Amino acid sequence: MKNFISRYKVLLFLVIALISSWSIWIPMALGRLGIIEFNVPIIIGQSIGGIAPLIVLILLDKITKGGYGIKQIFDSIRIKGKNIIWLIPAALILPLTTISGSLLNYWVINEGELRILAIAPLNTLGFWLIAIIPLTFFAGLLSSPILEEPCWRGFALGHLQNKFGKHIGSLILGSFWWLWHQPINIANGLEVNFYSYLIMLSHSFLFDSIYNLSSKNLLSAMFAHSSAIITYNYIYQSQNIYVLLIFLIAIIVLRTFEWKRNKLNLEIISIRDEISFQPNKK
């Protein structure tokens, strides 16, 4: 049994996590659509399904006596180190790219009203937004970021990228992440379409790159995830090709940084190996 779990541990985790969350989210979605009666409050059902993957990961780690690396995953949450600077782009990447896409769309199409904030009354808060947004950001770290990121970036990403390569690994994880969310999105009244898939996939690619560039500091992935909460709550979401274009540019830039850094690290390792294998000169 333990050998089976070790061999298929990523697939096993993803399947069980999906079933665990969907067992409550699908009835909620069906209730929203009026197909069945299901009266669990949205906040309770959303929280139960949201924490399910982490519980599954912890249980599998217990069964395999540390085979899923829970301790190492949480130890990777670092508040200091040479790559701590990546917390800044992690916190800003999604709001800035989303706003840039909306601005580009407004300048190119040149029609309608330019909107930056998601809710009109926010415009009246003025400088209070400077206090509200950071409070939302840091409070948000204790919700989805701390519940999800140990599972997606902390555990699954490394295994998927090692097996399928950097880009295909991110594609698999991002697609799964989108799929996992869909029942609760329906329960919340959100529209399910191909555009929403591309947006969430873009978010996931950005999370992956920032996480890797931060030397796999889980806090950077949590910051990026919390920035998604900020973006969803406060930034106007215009569905247009220019938002996706800005996301694509940001992904290419970050992936280029990853490629160059990995290439430099390989060159350093190669030089060290050459030096270590040189015969001693008498």
Protein backbone atom coordinates (compact mmCIF):
# COMPACT_ATOMS: atom_id res chain seq x y z
CA MET A 1 0.00 0.00 0.00
CA LYS A 2 2.74 2.43 0.98
CA ASN A 3 4.67 1.60 -2.21
CA PHE A 4 1.57 2.30 -4.30
CA ILE A 5 1.05 5.65 -2.57
CA SER A 6 4.71 6.59 -3.04
CA ARG A 7 4.64 5.69 -6.74
CA TYR A 8 1.45 7.60 -7.57
CA LYS A 9 1.52 10.13 -4.75
CA VAL A 10 0.87 13.25 -6.85
CA LEU A 11 -2.00 11.69 -8.82
CA LEU A 12 -3.43 10.17 -5.66
CA PHE A 13 -3.34 13.48 -3.84
CA LEU A 14 -4.95 15.42 -6.70
CA VAL A 15 -7.77 12.90 -7.16
CA ILE A 16 -8.59 12.62 -3.45
CA ALA A 17 -8.36 16.40 -3.01
CA LEU A 18 -10.75 16.91 -5.93
CA ILE A 19 -13.26 14.36 -4.63
CA SER A 20 -13.06 15.76 -1.08
CA SER A 21 -13.78 19.33 -2.12
CA TRP A 22 -16.34 18.47 -4.76
CA SER A 23 -18.31 16.27 -2.34
CA ILE A 24 -19.67 19.46 -0.80
CA TRP A 25 -19.12 21.96 -3.64
CA ILE A 26 -21.08 20.05 -6.29
CA PRO A 27 -24.26 19.88 -4.14
CA MET A 28 -23.80 23.60 -3.48
CA ALA A 29 -23.53 24.26 -7.23
CA LEU A 30 -26.59 22.12 -7.94
CA GLY A 31 -28.46 23.99 -5.22
CA ARG A 32 -27.50 27.30 -6.82
CA LEU A 33 -28.80 26.07 -10.17
CA GLY A 34 -32.07 24.98 -8.55
CA ILE A 35 -31.58 21.32 -9.39
CA ILE A 36 -31.59 20.09 -5.78
CA GLU A 37 -32.21 21.50 -2.32
CA PHE A 38 -28.93 22.15 -0.51
CA ASN A 39 -29.00 24.85 2.11
CA VAL A 40 -25.48 24.85 3.58
CA PRO A 41 -24.37 28.51 3.99
CA ILE A 42 -21.93 29.47 1.24
CA ILE A 43 -19.17 30.57 3.64
CA ILE A 44 -19.27 27.25 5.54
CA GLY A 45 -19.35 25.05 2.44
CA GLN A 46 -16.65 27.10 0.75
CA SER A 47 -14.40 26.83 3.81
CA ILE A 48 -14.88 23.07 4.18
CA GLY A 49 -14.06 22.43 0.53
CA GLY A 50 -11.18 24.90 0.63
CA ILE A 51 -9.40 23.22 3.53
CA ALA A 52 -10.00 19.67 2.23
CA PRO A 53 -6.83 19.43 0.04
CA LEU A 54 -4.59 20.42 2.95
CA ILE A 55 -6.23 17.84 5.22
CA VAL A 56 -5.77 15.20 2.51
CA LEU A 57 -2.09 16.14 2.15
CA ILE A 58 -1.53 15.92 5.91
CA LEU A 59 -3.27 12.53 6.14
CA LEU A 60 -1.27 11.11 3.23
CA ASP A 61 1.90 12.42 4.86
CA LYS A 62 0.95 10.62 8.09
CA ILE A 63 0.23 7.37 6.25
CA THR A 64 3.56 7.47 4.43
CA LYS A 65 5.44 8.66 7.54
CA GLY A 66 6.60 11.91 6.02
CA GLY A 67 6.50 10.84 2.37
CA TYR A 68 4.60 13.96 1.34
CA GLY A 69 7.00 16.33 3.10
CA ILE A 70 4.52 18.40 5.10
CA LYS A 71 7.20 19.56 7.55
CA GLN A 72 9.55 20.62 4.75
CA ILE A 73 6.70 22.39 2.96
CA PHE A 74 5.83 24.56 5.95
CA ASP A 75 9.50 25.08 6.76
CA SER A 76 9.81 26.69 3.31
CA ILE A 77 7.75 29.67 4.51
CA ARG A 78 10.62 32.14 4.97
CA ILE A 79 10.51 35.80 5.95
CA LYS A 80 14.19 36.44 5.26
CA GLY A 81 16.87 35.42 2.80
CA LYS A 82 18.52 36.72 -0.36
CA ASN A 83 15.42 36.10 -2.52
CA ILE A 84 12.98 37.80 -0.14
CA ILE A 85 12.79 40.64 -2.68
CA TRP A 86 10.42 38.45 -4.73
CA LEU A 87 7.70 39.08 -2.15
CA ILE A 88 7.28 42.55 -3.67
CA PRO A 89 6.39 41.45 -7.22
CA ALA A 90 4.37 38.61 -5.71
CA ALA A 91 2.17 41.17 -3.91
CA LEU A 92 1.87 43.53 -6.88
CA ILE A 93 1.87 41.35 -9.99
CA LEU A 94 -1.84 40.62 -10.36
CA PRO A 95 -3.27 44.07 -9.52
CA LEU A 96 -0.75 45.79 -11.80
CA THR A 97 -1.18 43.42 -14.74
CA THR A 98 -4.98 43.55 -14.46
CA ILE A 99 -5.01 47.36 -14.34
CA SER A 100 -2.52 47.53 -17.24
CA GLY A 101 -4.76 45.30 -19.34
CA SER A 102 -7.80 47.48 -18.64
CA LEU A 103 -5.83 50.65 -19.48
CA LEU A 104 -4.56 49.15 -22.72
CA ASN A 105 -8.07 48.08 -23.68
CA TYR A 106 -9.42 51.59 -22.96
CA TRP A 107 -6.70 53.29 -25.02
CA VAL A 108 -7.05 50.93 -27.97
CA ILE A 109 -10.85 50.66 -28.09
CA ASN A 110 -11.37 54.24 -26.87
CA GLU A 111 -14.97 53.77 -25.84
CA GLY A 112 -16.95 53.62 -22.61
CA GLU A 113 -15.78 54.68 -19.16
CA LEU A 114 -12.35 53.85 -17.80
CA ARG A 115 -12.75 51.86 -14.57
CA ILE A 116 -9.98 50.85 -12.20
CA LEU A 117 -11.81 49.91 -9.02
CA ALA A 118 -14.27 47.03 -8.97
CA ILE A 119 -16.98 48.76 -6.93
CA ALA A 120 -17.99 52.37 -7.56
CA PRO A 121 -18.36 53.35 -3.84
CA LEU A 122 -14.68 52.54 -3.35
CA ASN A 123 -13.93 55.77 -5.23
CA THR A 124 -15.34 57.74 -2.30
CA LEU A 125 -13.01 56.16 0.25
CA GLY A 126 -10.00 58.10 -0.98
CA PHE A 127 -6.89 57.54 1.12
CA TRP A 128 -8.72 55.03 3.32
CA LEU A 129 -8.02 52.51 0.57
CA ILE A 130 -4.34 52.77 1.52
CA ALA A 131 -5.25 51.22 4.87
CA ILE A 132 -8.01 48.86 3.72
CA ILE A 133 -6.10 47.12 0.93
CA PRO A 134 -3.05 46.15 3.06
CA LEU A 135 -5.36 44.91 5.82
CA THR A 136 -7.25 42.77 3.32
CA PHE A 137 -3.98 41.53 1.83
CA PHE A 138 -2.37 40.37 5.09
CA ALA A 139 -5.61 39.03 6.57
CA GLY A 140 -6.15 37.14 3.33
CA LEU A 141 -2.89 35.25 3.84
CA LEU A 142 -4.63 33.26 6.57
CA SER A 143 -7.38 32.06 4.23
CA SER A 144 -6.91 30.51 0.77
CA PRO A 145 -3.15 31.20 0.52
CA ILE A 146 -2.19 29.23 3.66
CA LEU A 147 -4.78 26.52 2.92
CA GLU A 148 -4.04 26.02 -0.78
CA GLU A 149 -0.44 26.95 -1.52
CA PRO A 150 1.18 24.18 0.59
CA CYS A 151 -0.74 21.78 -1.68
CA TRP A 152 -0.34 23.36 -5.13
CA ARG A 153 3.04 25.07 -5.14
CA GLY A 154 4.51 23.52 -1.98
CA PHE A 155 3.84 19.92 -2.99
CA ALA A 156 2.46 19.32 -6.48
CA LEU A 157 4.34 21.87 -8.62
CA GLY A 158 7.85 20.52 -8.08
CA HIS A 159 6.84 16.94 -8.85
CA LEU A 160 4.89 17.92 -11.97
CA GLN A 161 7.64 20.14 -13.35
CA ASN A 162 10.31 17.53 -12.67
CA LYS A 163 8.30 14.90 -14.56
CA PHE A 164 6.74 16.92 -17.39
CA GLY A 165 8.98 19.97 -17.67
CA LYS A 166 8.52 23.52 -16.43
CA HIS A 167 5.78 24.66 -18.82
CA ILE A 168 3.74 21.45 -19.13
CA GLY A 169 3.95 21.01 -15.36
CA SER A 170 2.51 24.50 -14.87
CA LEU A 171 -0.15 23.79 -17.50
CA ILE A 172 -1.27 20.63 -15.69
CA LEU A 173 -1.36 22.29 -12.27
CA GLY A 174 -3.09 25.44 -13.55
CA SER A 175 -5.73 23.44 -15.40
CA PHE A 176 -6.37 21.31 -12.33
CA TRP A 177 -6.59 24.42 -10.15
CA TRP A 178 -9.21 25.90 -12.48
CA LEU A 179 -11.17 22.64 -12.59
CA TRP A 180 -11.06 22.28 -8.79
CA HIS A 181 -12.64 25.73 -8.38
CA GLN A 182 -15.53 25.35 -10.81
CA PRO A 183 -18.29 23.94 -8.54
CA ILE A 184 -17.71 26.63 -5.91
CA ASN A 185 -17.52 29.28 -8.64
CA ILE A 186 -20.94 28.15 -9.88
CA ALA A 187 -22.24 28.15 -6.31
CA ASN A 188 -21.05 31.77 -6.02
CA GLY A 189 -22.84 32.71 -9.23
CA LEU A 190 -19.69 33.14 -11.33
CA GLU A 191 -19.75 32.40 -15.04
CA VAL A 192 -17.78 29.38 -16.28
CA ASN A 193 -16.23 29.99 -19.70
CA PHE A 194 -12.98 29.66 -21.62
CA TYR A 195 -11.92 33.20 -20.74
CA SER A 196 -12.12 32.43 -17.00
CA TYR A 197 -10.00 29.34 -17.64
CA LEU A 198 -7.30 31.39 -19.40
CA ILE A 199 -7.31 34.00 -16.63
CA MET A 200 -6.90 31.42 -13.85
CA LEU A 201 -4.29 29.55 -15.89
CA SER A 202 -2.36 32.81 -16.31
CA HIS A 203 -2.55 33.44 -12.57
CA SER A 204 -1.23 29.95 -11.88
CA PHE A 205 1.70 30.38 -14.29
CA LEU A 206 2.62 33.65 -12.57
CA PHE A 207 2.39 32.04 -9.12
CA ASP A 208 4.65 29.19 -10.29
CA SER A 209 7.33 31.47 -11.69
CA ILE A 210 7.44 33.76 -8.68
CA TYR A 211 7.60 30.72 -6.37
CA ASN A 212 10.50 29.23 -8.34
CA LEU A 213 12.36 32.54 -8.61
CA SER A 214 12.08 33.03 -4.84
CA SER A 215 14.02 29.77 -4.36
CA LYS A 216 10.75 27.99 -3.55
CA ASN A 217 9.80 30.27 -0.68
CA LEU A 218 6.18 29.29 -0.04
CA LEU A 219 5.49 32.75 1.38
CA SER A 220 5.99 34.21 -2.12
CA ALA A 221 3.27 31.92 -3.52
CA MET A 222 1.02 32.92 -0.61
CA PHE A 223 1.67 36.61 -1.35
CA ALA A 224 0.81 36.07 -5.03
CA HIS A 225 -2.37 34.23 -4.06
CA SER A 226 -3.37 37.01 -1.66
CA SER A 227 -2.78 39.53 -4.45
CA ALA A 228 -5.40 37.59 -6.43
CA ILE A 229 -7.85 38.16 -3.57
CA ILE A 230 -7.03 41.88 -3.63
CA THR A 231 -7.51 41.98 -7.39
CA TYR A 232 -10.84 40.17 -7.22
CA ASN A 233 -12.18 42.39 -4.41
CA TYR A 234 -10.93 45.81 -5.50
CA ILE A 235 -9.85 45.85 -9.15
CA TYR A 236 -12.29 46.05 -12.04
CA GLN A 237 -12.26 42.84 -14.08
CA SER A 238 -12.66 43.75 -17.75
CA GLN A 239 -12.97 40.67 -19.94
CA ASN A 240 -10.87 41.52 -22.97
CA ILE A 241 -7.95 40.20 -24.99
CA TYR A 242 -5.63 42.94 -23.73
CA VAL A 243 -5.74 41.70 -20.13
CA LEU A 244 -4.69 38.26 -21.39
CA LEU A 245 -1.98 39.89 -23.52
CA ILE A 246 -0.49 41.69 -20.50
CA PHE A 247 -0.60 38.44 -18.51
CA LEU A 248 1.19 36.64 -21.36
CA ILE A 249 3.92 39.30 -21.46
CA ALA A 250 4.39 39.05 -17.67
CA ILE A 251 4.61 35.24 -17.90
CA ILE A 252 7.20 35.42 -20.71
CA VAL A 253 9.30 37.91 -18.73
CA LEU A 254 9.25 35.78 -15.57
CA ARG A 255 9.91 32.54 -17.47
CA THR A 256 12.88 34.23 -19.19
CA PHE A 257 14.26 35.19 -15.78
CA GLU A 258 13.83 31.56 -14.68
CA TRP A 259 15.59 30.24 -17.78
CA LYS A 260 18.53 32.63 -17.43
CA ARG A 261 18.95 31.90 -13.72
CA ASN A 262 18.79 28.15 -14.25
CA LYS A 263 21.32 28.42 -17.08
CA LEU A 264 23.67 30.45 -14.85
CA ASN A 265 23.32 27.93 -12.02
CA LEU A 266 24.15 25.06 -14.39
CA GLU A 267 27.23 26.92 -15.61
CA ILE A 268 28.39 27.50 -12.03
CA ILE A 269 27.87 23.82 -11.18
CA SER A 270 29.77 22.79 -14.32
CA ILE A 271 32.73 25.04 -13.41
CA ARG A 272 32.78 23.67 -9.87
CA ASP A 273 32.73 20.10 -11.18
CA GLU A 274 35.64 20.82 -13.53
CA ILE A 275 37.67 22.32 -10.71
CA SER A 276 36.92 19.46 -8.31
CA PHE A 277 37.95 16.81 -10.86
CA GLN A 278 41.21 18.45 -11.88
CA PRO A 279 44.23 16.31 -10.87
CA ASN A 280 46.43 17.75 -8.16
CA LYS A 281 49.59 19.23 -9.59
CA LYS A 282 52.82 18.33 -7.87
